[in-house]
């Protein structure tokens, strides 16, 4: 099953990629103790950890929401044919992502809104596609919602020094600027109401403009959290950050705050990169967060 319904919103999981990200836990999550990975290896492997290679496994997936008659995409993965010299795992891909969208009943022209939770290489790639030798918006009728803080931070003209170094090279030029120049972007600040069911709010730390989409419809709640978490180990060890977090202290505080809200509201938490069932509900037990239940999406 790749569709679930929460309140009046249908959520569809559309995959782009699943596999190794060519990083060990110690590299990807430098603050994480090796004992934590060993303690939880029985359930982290094989979906999130390759026990044989000690490599992290990750998914690129787009959450498709159908709400109030509109089709909304949350994050657009890595994209095809992109030049990524300092992020080679995401470079020169040739996936059937658009075919997967089509099998979910969605043509590019059907998309009304694209949400980029932040502007990292693996969240904006399908914003554009190559037509002849020009990058053009993949979703020609969509409004692209981008956090202004990230738009300014990742614009190479502004010369910001980043933890990511050159890992985002070419991304602004081929996946952000073309849709902005086409007049398709809304650069929002602080918060943004998408519709009666969905809101966007800043959740900084991973990047200055990292954001989350909150779904509140009927009695159901969900949080689409982008890169708030890269591994489910961060559900239960929320002070562990990835090596890509621009402000690790703020990232940990944001993670704890949002996981606390999710536990209190019985909200489903949907990160961008979890394989397996892709999402989970969390709870508090003895002052700690625990995974209460995995989402009913099919495992990948």
Protein backbone atom coordinates (compact mmCIF):
# COMPACT_ATOMS: atom_id res chain seq x y z
CA UNK A 1 0.00 0.00 0.00
CA UNK A 2 1.40 3.38 -1.02
CA UNK A 3 -1.65 5.49 -0.09
CA UNK A 4 -3.10 6.39 3.28
CA UNK A 5 -5.88 8.81 4.21
CA UNK A 6 -5.66 11.20 7.15
CA UNK A 7 -8.79 13.27 7.62
CA UNK A 8 -9.61 14.76 4.24
CA UNK A 9 -6.07 14.34 2.87
CA UNK A 10 -4.76 11.42 0.83
CA UNK A 11 -1.02 10.78 1.13
CA UNK A 12 0.86 8.86 -1.55
CA UNK A 13 4.47 7.75 -1.30
CA UNK A 14 6.35 8.02 -4.61
CA UNK A 15 9.88 6.61 -4.71
CA UNK A 16 12.88 7.87 -6.63
CA UNK A 17 15.76 5.90 -5.08
CA UNK A 18 16.59 3.36 -2.40
CA UNK A 19 20.03 2.12 -1.52
CA UNK A 20 23.40 3.00 -0.06
CA UNK A 21 24.43 6.60 0.45
CA UNK A 22 28.05 5.42 0.63
CA UNK A 23 28.54 6.64 4.18
CA UNK A 24 29.11 4.76 7.41
CA UNK A 25 27.15 5.70 10.55
CA UNK A 26 30.31 7.23 12.02
CA UNK A 27 30.67 9.51 8.98
CA UNK A 28 26.99 10.33 8.46
CA UNK A 29 26.27 10.85 12.16
CA UNK A 30 29.60 11.77 13.76
CA UNK A 31 28.05 12.45 17.16
CA UNK A 32 26.47 9.00 17.38
CA UNK A 33 28.07 6.38 19.63
CA UNK A 34 28.85 3.08 17.98
CA UNK A 35 27.11 1.36 20.90
CA UNK A 36 23.76 2.88 19.84
CA UNK A 37 24.02 1.38 16.35
CA UNK A 38 25.03 -2.02 17.78
CA UNK A 39 22.24 -1.93 20.36
CA UNK A 40 19.56 -1.30 17.73
CA UNK A 41 21.09 -3.17 14.80
CA UNK A 42 18.46 -5.92 14.98
CA UNK A 43 15.77 -3.58 13.68
CA UNK A 44 17.87 -0.98 11.85
CA UNK A 45 19.09 -3.67 9.45
CA UNK A 46 18.43 -4.20 6.62
CA UNK A 47 16.14 -1.24 5.85
CA UNK A 48 18.32 1.50 7.32
CA UNK A 49 21.70 -0.14 7.81
CA UNK A 50 23.70 -2.63 5.75
CA UNK A 51 25.25 -4.93 8.33
CA UNK A 52 27.76 -6.40 5.88
CA UNK A 53 29.23 -3.10 4.69
CA UNK A 54 28.34 -0.97 7.75
CA UNK A 55 26.80 1.54 5.36
CA UNK A 56 23.72 3.67 5.83
CA UNK A 57 20.80 3.02 3.54
CA UNK A 58 18.41 5.74 2.50
CA UNK A 59 15.38 6.44 0.36
CA UNK A 60 14.54 9.41 -1.81
CA UNK A 61 10.80 9.79 -1.87
CA UNK A 62 8.24 12.46 -2.57
CA UNK A 63 5.14 12.73 -0.45
CA UNK A 64 2.16 13.51 -2.66
CA UNK A 65 -0.81 15.09 -0.90
CA UNK A 66 -4.26 15.49 -2.38
CA UNK A 67 -6.00 18.15 -0.33
CA UNK A 68 -8.93 20.45 -1.09
CA UNK A 69 -8.83 19.53 -4.76
CA UNK A 70 -5.13 20.27 -5.19
CA UNK A 71 -2.13 18.02 -5.79
CA UNK A 72 0.84 18.94 -3.60
CA UNK A 73 4.36 17.47 -3.73
CA UNK A 74 6.64 17.63 -0.71
CA UNK A 75 10.29 17.57 -1.84
CA UNK A 76 11.45 16.50 -5.27
CA UNK A 77 14.51 14.33 -4.72
CA UNK A 78 17.72 14.44 -6.72
CA UNK A 79 16.48 14.63 -10.30
CA UNK A 80 17.96 13.25 -13.50
CA UNK A 81 21.04 14.26 -15.47
CA UNK A 82 22.33 16.68 -12.82
CA UNK A 83 26.05 17.46 -12.55
CA UNK A 84 27.02 16.87 -8.90
CA UNK A 85 30.81 16.69 -8.66
CA UNK A 86 30.84 16.87 -4.86
CA UNK A 87 27.74 14.74 -4.26
CA UNK A 88 28.33 11.95 -6.79
CA UNK A 89 25.71 9.58 -5.37
CA UNK A 90 23.10 12.07 -6.65
CA UNK A 91 24.82 12.91 -9.92
CA UNK A 92 23.91 11.73 -13.43
CA UNK A 93 20.88 9.75 -12.25
CA UNK A 94 18.41 8.39 -14.76
CA UNK A 95 15.52 7.17 -12.63
CA UNK A 96 11.91 6.57 -13.59
CA UNK A 97 10.57 9.02 -11.04
CA UNK A 98 8.14 10.64 -13.47
CA UNK A 99 6.95 7.16 -14.42
CA UNK A 100 6.37 6.41 -10.75
CA UNK A 101 4.36 9.62 -10.49
CA UNK A 102 2.35 8.60 -13.54
CA UNK A 103 1.61 5.20 -12.00
CA UNK A 104 0.26 7.14 -8.99
CA UNK A 105 -2.05 8.95 -11.40
CA UNK A 106 -0.11 12.22 -11.56
CA UNK A 107 1.14 13.97 -14.67
CA UNK A 108 3.55 16.91 -14.23
CA UNK A 109 0.82 19.26 -15.44
CA UNK A 110 -1.49 18.07 -12.64
CA UNK A 111 0.71 19.38 -9.82
CA UNK A 112 -0.55 22.56 -8.17
CA UNK A 113 2.02 23.09 -5.42
CA UNK A 114 5.61 21.96 -4.85
CA UNK A 115 7.02 22.30 -1.34
CA UNK A 116 10.79 22.26 -0.92
CA UNK A 117 11.32 21.74 2.81
CA UNK A 118 14.85 23.05 2.27
CA UNK A 119 17.17 23.53 -0.68
CA UNK A 120 19.66 20.68 -0.41
CA UNK A 121 20.69 18.71 -3.48
CA UNK A 122 18.39 15.76 -2.74
CA UNK A 123 15.24 17.81 -2.14
CA UNK A 124 14.99 20.03 -5.20
CA UNK A 125 16.30 17.96 -8.11
CA UNK A 126 13.01 17.29 -9.87
CA UNK A 127 12.05 20.95 -9.61
CA UNK A 128 13.48 21.05 -13.12
CA UNK A 129 14.17 18.75 -16.03
CA UNK A 130 16.37 19.09 -19.08
CA UNK A 131 14.69 20.19 -22.28
CA UNK A 132 17.24 20.24 -25.07
CA UNK A 133 20.03 22.11 -23.22
CA UNK A 134 17.86 24.16 -20.86
CA UNK A 135 16.60 23.45 -17.35
CA UNK A 136 12.85 24.10 -17.26
CA UNK A 137 10.25 23.63 -14.49
CA UNK A 138 9.17 20.00 -14.35
CA UNK A 139 5.75 21.00 -13.02
CA UNK A 140 4.77 23.88 -15.31
CA UNK A 141 1.51 24.78 -13.55
CA UNK A 142 2.79 24.56 -9.98
CA UNK A 143 3.65 27.18 -7.42
CA UNK A 144 6.98 26.28 -5.81
CA UNK A 145 7.11 27.14 -2.11
CA UNK A 146 10.68 27.79 -0.96
CA UNK A 147 11.83 29.16 2.40
CA UNK A 148 13.39 32.55 1.82
CA UNK A 149 16.07 31.85 4.44
CA UNK A 150 17.34 28.90 2.39
CA UNK A 151 16.93 30.71 -0.92
CA UNK A 152 19.27 33.42 0.34
CA UNK A 153 21.62 31.03 2.14
CA UNK A 154 22.22 28.74 -0.85
CA UNK A 155 22.38 31.47 -3.48
CA UNK A 156 26.07 31.31 -4.47
CA UNK A 157 26.04 35.06 -5.15
CA UNK A 158 25.77 35.60 -1.37
CA UNK A 159 28.98 33.68 -0.62
CA UNK A 160 27.88 31.89 2.55
CA UNK A 161 30.27 29.37 4.09
CA UNK A 162 28.42 26.12 4.80
CA UNK A 163 28.94 22.84 6.60
CA UNK A 164 28.00 21.15 3.33
CA UNK A 165 30.97 22.80 1.62
CA UNK A 166 30.68 22.32 -2.12
CA UNK A 167 28.16 19.50 -1.84
CA UNK A 168 25.40 21.77 -3.14
CA UNK A 169 27.40 22.94 -6.13
CA UNK A 170 25.25 23.64 -9.23
CA UNK A 171 22.03 23.02 -7.30
CA UNK A 172 20.87 26.62 -7.11
CA UNK A 173 21.70 27.20 -10.76
CA UNK A 174 19.97 24.14 -12.22
CA UNK A 175 17.15 23.38 -9.76
CA UNK A 176 16.21 26.63 -7.99
CA UNK A 177 16.98 29.63 -10.20
CA UNK A 178 15.13 28.32 -13.30
CA UNK A 179 11.78 28.09 -11.50
CA UNK A 180 12.35 31.43 -9.79
CA UNK A 181 13.18 33.10 -13.09
CA UNK A 182 10.03 31.55 -14.56
CA UNK A 183 7.99 33.35 -11.90
CA UNK A 184 6.82 30.13 -10.25
CA UNK A 185 8.26 30.59 -6.72
CA UNK A 186 6.83 31.96 -3.51
CA UNK A 187 9.61 32.78 -1.05
CA UNK A 188 7.88 32.53 2.30
CA UNK A 189 9.04 33.53 5.79
CA UNK A 190 8.14 32.29 9.28
CA UNK A 191 4.97 30.39 8.28
CA UNK A 192 2.72 29.86 5.30
CA UNK A 193 -0.82 28.51 5.06
CA UNK A 194 -1.09 26.10 2.11
CA UNK A 195 -4.77 25.35 2.62
CA UNK A 196 -7.25 24.54 5.39
CA UNK A 197 -5.46 21.26 6.18
CA UNK A 198 -1.79 22.14 5.70
CA UNK A 199 0.64 24.73 7.05
CA UNK A 200 4.35 25.34 6.53
CA UNK A 201 6.54 26.44 9.43
CA UNK A 202 10.24 27.07 9.84
CA UNK A 203 12.14 24.36 11.71
CA UNK A 204 15.74 25.59 11.44
CA UNK A 205 18.95 23.85 12.38
CA UNK A 206 19.61 21.42 9.57
CA UNK A 207 19.64 24.49 7.33
CA UNK A 208 18.58 28.06 8.16
CA UNK A 209 15.32 27.63 6.25
CA UNK A 210 14.50 24.01 7.02
CA UNK A 211 10.76 23.65 7.40
CA UNK A 212 7.97 21.21 8.18
CA UNK A 213 4.49 20.72 6.81
CA UNK A 214 1.85 20.16 9.47
CA UNK A 215 -1.31 18.29 8.52
CA UNK A 216 -4.35 18.79 10.75
CA UNK A 217 -7.56 17.39 9.32
CA UNK A 218 -10.46 16.00 11.31
CA UNK A 219 -8.90 14.20 14.23
CA UNK A 220 -5.73 13.26 12.36
CA UNK A 221 -2.30 14.86 12.61
CA UNK A 222 0.95 14.43 10.67
CA UNK A 223 4.31 16.14 10.33
CA UNK A 224 6.30 16.07 7.10
CA UNK A 225 9.72 16.85 8.49
CA UNK A 226 12.18 16.78 5.59
CA UNK A 227 15.64 16.17 7.02
CA UNK A 228 14.75 16.58 10.67
CA UNK A 229 15.66 12.88 10.74
CA UNK A 230 17.77 10.81 8.34
CA UNK A 231 17.59 7.58 10.33
CA UNK A 232 14.96 6.20 12.72
CA UNK A 233 17.68 5.99 15.36
CA UNK A 234 17.09 9.76 15.72
CA UNK A 235 13.56 9.07 16.92
CA UNK A 236 14.97 7.49 20.04
CA UNK A 237 18.29 9.39 20.16
CA UNK A 238 17.11 12.88 19.16
CA UNK A 239 20.38 14.63 20.05
CA UNK A 240 22.21 12.81 17.25
CA UNK A 241 22.71 15.07 14.24
CA UNK A 242 23.83 14.34 10.72
CA UNK A 243 27.10 15.74 9.43
CA UNK A 244 25.06 18.06 7.18
CA UNK A 245 23.39 20.10 9.94
CA UNK A 246 24.44 23.74 9.70
CA UNK A 247 23.59 24.43 13.36
CA UNK A 248 23.72 21.15 15.32
CA UNK A 249 22.56 22.66 18.63
CA UNK A 250 19.53 24.22 16.99
CA UNK A 251 18.86 21.06 14.97
CA UNK A 252 18.69 18.95 18.15
CA UNK A 253 16.41 21.46 19.87
CA UNK A 254 14.08 21.59 16.87
CA UNK A 255 13.99 17.81 16.64
CA UNK A 256 13.08 17.42 20.31
CA UNK A 257 10.41 20.11 20.09
CA UNK A 258 8.71 18.61 17.05
CA UNK A 259 8.94 15.03 18.26
CA UNK A 260 7.38 16.20 21.51
CA UNK A 261 4.48 17.76 19.61
CA UNK A 262 4.08 14.62 17.50
CA UNK A 263 3.98 12.40 20.60
CA UNK A 264 1.40 14.62 22.31
CA UNK A 265 -0.79 14.86 19.20
CA UNK A 266 -0.41 11.19 18.13
CA UNK A 267 0.87 12.55 14.82
CA UNK A 268 2.48 10.48 12.10
CA UNK A 269 6.05 11.66 11.39
CA UNK A 270 7.09 11.46 7.74
CA UNK A 271 10.77 12.23 7.05
CA UNK A 272 12.15 12.52 3.54
CA UNK A 273 14.59 9.63 3.57
CA UNK A 274 13.36 6.72 5.64
CA UNK A 275 13.20 3.42 3.82
CA UNK A 276 11.19 0.51 5.22
CA UNK A 277 7.68 1.74 5.97
CA UNK A 278 8.84 5.33 5.52
CA UNK A 279 7.19 6.93 8.54
CA UNK A 280 6.22 6.27 12.13
CA UNK A 281 4.22 7.42 15.10
CA UNK A 282 6.25 8.19 18.22
CA UNK A 283 5.37 8.19 21.90
CA UNK A 284 7.03 9.04 25.21
CA UNK A 285 7.95 6.29 27.64
CA UNK A 286 9.87 6.99 30.84
CA UNK A 287 10.96 10.37 29.53
CA UNK A 288 12.26 9.04 26.21
CA UNK A 289 10.85 8.89 22.71
CA UNK A 290 10.01 5.49 21.31
CA UNK A 291 8.65 4.27 18.01
CA UNK A 292 5.05 3.39 18.74
CA UNK A 293 3.99 2.13 15.34
CA UNK A 294 5.28 2.16 11.76
CA UNK A 295 3.15 3.66 9.02
CA UNK A 296 1.14 1.21 6.89
CA UNK A 297 3.04 1.97 3.68
CA UNK A 298 4.63 -1.00 1.95
CA UNK A 299 8.28 -1.60 2.86
CA UNK A 300 10.93 -0.68 0.31
